[in-house]
Amino acid sequence: MENLSYEKAFEELQSIVSEMEGGAIGIDDLSVKVKRAAELIKFCKQKLKATEMDVDQILKEMETDETENGF
């Protein structure tokens, strides 16, 4: 996906959902919007998973440092 931040992707996804809920999307555009929403959901899930893994790694490193240094 293009250079997209999690925040921008989530914002776009919220916009699509609002349009769908408000009936602002015509039937001709519905398929395109649903496909885009699916792409954004996948992107956001990947970003969240990567962030979770990074945070877990940092916490493990902190625990190791504390154990080795007696803190």
C-alpha atoms as a PDB file:
ATOM      1  CA  MET A   1       0.000   0.000   0.000  1.00  0.00           C
ATOM      2  CA  GLU A   2       1.191   3.524  -0.645  1.00  0.00           C
ATOM      3  CA  ASN A   3       3.002   5.484   2.052  1.00  0.00           C
ATOM      4  CA  LEU A   4       0.071   5.425   4.396  1.00  0.00           C
ATOM      5  CA  SER A   5       0.139   5.809   8.149  1.00  0.00           C
ATOM      6  CA  TYR A   6      -2.109   3.799  10.420  1.00  0.00           C
ATOM      7  CA  GLU A   7      -3.928   6.971  11.416  1.00  0.00           C
ATOM      8  CA  LYS A   8      -4.639   7.992   7.806  1.00  0.00           C
ATOM      9  CA  ALA A   9      -5.777   4.481   6.895  1.00  0.00           C
ATOM     10  CA  PHE A  10      -8.096   4.330   9.899  1.00  0.00           C
ATOM     11  CA  GLU A  11      -9.464   7.787   9.104  1.00  0.00           C
ATOM     12  CA  GLU A  12     -10.194   6.746   5.513  1.00  0.00           C
ATOM     13  CA  LEU A  13     -11.837   3.554   6.739  1.00  0.00           C
ATOM     14  CA  GLN A  14     -14.057   5.517   9.121  1.00  0.00           C
ATOM     15  CA  SER A  15     -15.030   7.796   6.261  1.00  0.00           C
ATOM     16  CA  ILE A  16     -16.031   4.850   4.080  1.00  0.00           C
ATOM     17  CA  VAL A  17     -18.076   3.339   6.907  1.00  0.00           C
ATOM     18  CA  SER A  18     -19.832   6.661   7.511  1.00  0.00           C
ATOM     19  CA  GLU A  19     -20.658   6.964   3.819  1.00  0.00           C
ATOM     20  CA  MET A  20     -22.043   3.429   3.794  1.00  0.00           C
ATOM     21  CA  GLU A  21     -24.082   3.944   6.943  1.00  0.00           C
ATOM     22  CA  GLY A  22     -25.458   7.212   5.620  1.00  0.00           C
ATOM     23  CA  GLY A  23     -26.414   5.722   2.287  1.00  0.00           C
ATOM     24  CA  ALA A  24     -24.097   8.156   0.518  1.00  0.00           C
ATOM     25  CA  ILE A  25     -22.524   5.480  -1.674  1.00  0.00           C
ATOM     26  CA  GLY A  26     -24.284   4.591  -4.866  1.00  0.00           C
ATOM     27  CA  ILE A  27     -24.567   0.995  -5.959  1.00  0.00           C
ATOM     28  CA  ASP A  28     -22.039   1.623  -8.737  1.00  0.00           C
ATOM     29  CA  ASP A  29     -19.378   2.698  -6.230  1.00  0.00           C
ATOM     30  CA  LEU A  30     -20.215   0.202  -3.501  1.00  0.00           C
ATOM     31  CA  SER A  31     -17.946  -2.571  -4.761  1.00  0.00           C
ATOM     32  CA  VAL A  32     -14.987  -0.201  -5.092  1.00  0.00           C
ATOM     33  CA  LYS A  33     -15.529   1.183  -1.584  1.00  0.00           C
ATOM     34  CA  VAL A  34     -15.888  -2.284  -0.040  1.00  0.00           C
ATOM     35  CA  LYS A  35     -12.667  -3.433  -1.726  1.00  0.00           C
ATOM     36  CA  ARG A  36     -10.855  -0.342  -0.472  1.00  0.00           C
ATOM     37  CA  ALA A  37     -12.231  -0.889   3.029  1.00  0.00           C
ATOM     38  CA  ALA A  38     -10.966  -4.488   2.953  1.00  0.00           C
ATOM     39  CA  GLU A  39      -7.498  -3.275   1.904  1.00  0.00           C
ATOM     40  CA  LEU A  40      -7.479  -0.706   4.695  1.00  0.00           C
ATOM     41  CA  ILE A  41      -8.570  -3.259   7.299  1.00  0.00           C
ATOM     42  CA  LYS A  42      -5.800  -5.627   6.210  1.00  0.00           C
ATOM     43  CA  PHE A  43      -3.250  -2.794   6.306  1.00  0.00           C
ATOM     44  CA  CYS A  44      -4.347  -1.694   9.788  1.00  0.00           C
ATOM     45  CA  LYS A  45      -4.234  -5.264  11.118  1.00  0.00           C
ATOM     46  CA  GLN A  46      -0.704  -5.686   9.762  1.00  0.00           C
ATOM     47  CA  LYS A  47       0.403  -2.397  11.322  1.00  0.00           C
ATOM     48  CA  LEU A  48      -1.100  -3.355  14.685  1.00  0.00           C
ATOM     49  CA  LYS A  49       0.525  -6.800  14.597  1.00  0.00           C
ATOM     50  CA  ALA A  50       3.931  -5.334  13.703  1.00  0.00           C
ATOM     51  CA  THR A  51       3.636  -2.758  16.481  1.00  0.00           C
ATOM     52  CA  GLU A  52       2.611  -5.438  18.974  1.00  0.00           C
ATOM     53  CA  MET A  53       5.643  -7.523  18.023  1.00  0.00           C
ATOM     54  CA  ASP A  54       7.950  -4.498  18.374  1.00  0.00           C
ATOM     55  CA  VAL A  55       6.563  -3.636  21.807  1.00  0.00           C
ATOM     56  CA  ASP A  56       6.836  -7.262  22.955  1.00  0.00           C
ATOM     57  CA  GLN A  57      10.467  -7.356  21.830  1.00  0.00           C
ATOM     58  CA  ILE A  58      11.258  -4.120  23.659  1.00  0.00           C
ATOM     59  CA  LEU A  59       9.625  -5.412  26.845  1.00  0.00           C
ATOM     60  CA  LYS A  60      11.584  -8.679  26.631  1.00  0.00           C
ATOM     61  CA  GLU A  61      14.812  -6.721  26.196  1.00  0.00           C
ATOM     62  CA  MET A  62      13.945  -4.594  29.218  1.00  0.00           C
ATOM     63  CA  GLU A  63      13.268  -7.706  31.307  1.00  0.00           C
ATOM     64  CA  THR A  64      16.594  -9.197  30.234  1.00  0.00           C
ATOM     65  CA  ASP A  65      18.426  -5.980  31.100  1.00  0.00           C
ATOM     66  CA  GLU A  66      16.742  -5.841  34.505  1.00  0.00           C
ATOM     67  CA  THR A  67      17.612  -9.462  35.241  1.00  0.00           C
ATOM     68  CA  GLU A  68      21.229  -9.076  34.155  1.00  0.00           C
ATOM     69  CA  ASN A  69      21.711  -5.805  36.023  1.00  0.00           C
ATOM     70  CA  GLY A  70      19.817  -6.821  39.142  1.00  0.00           C
ATOM     71  CA  PHE A  71      17.080  -4.199  38.851  1.00  0.00           C
END
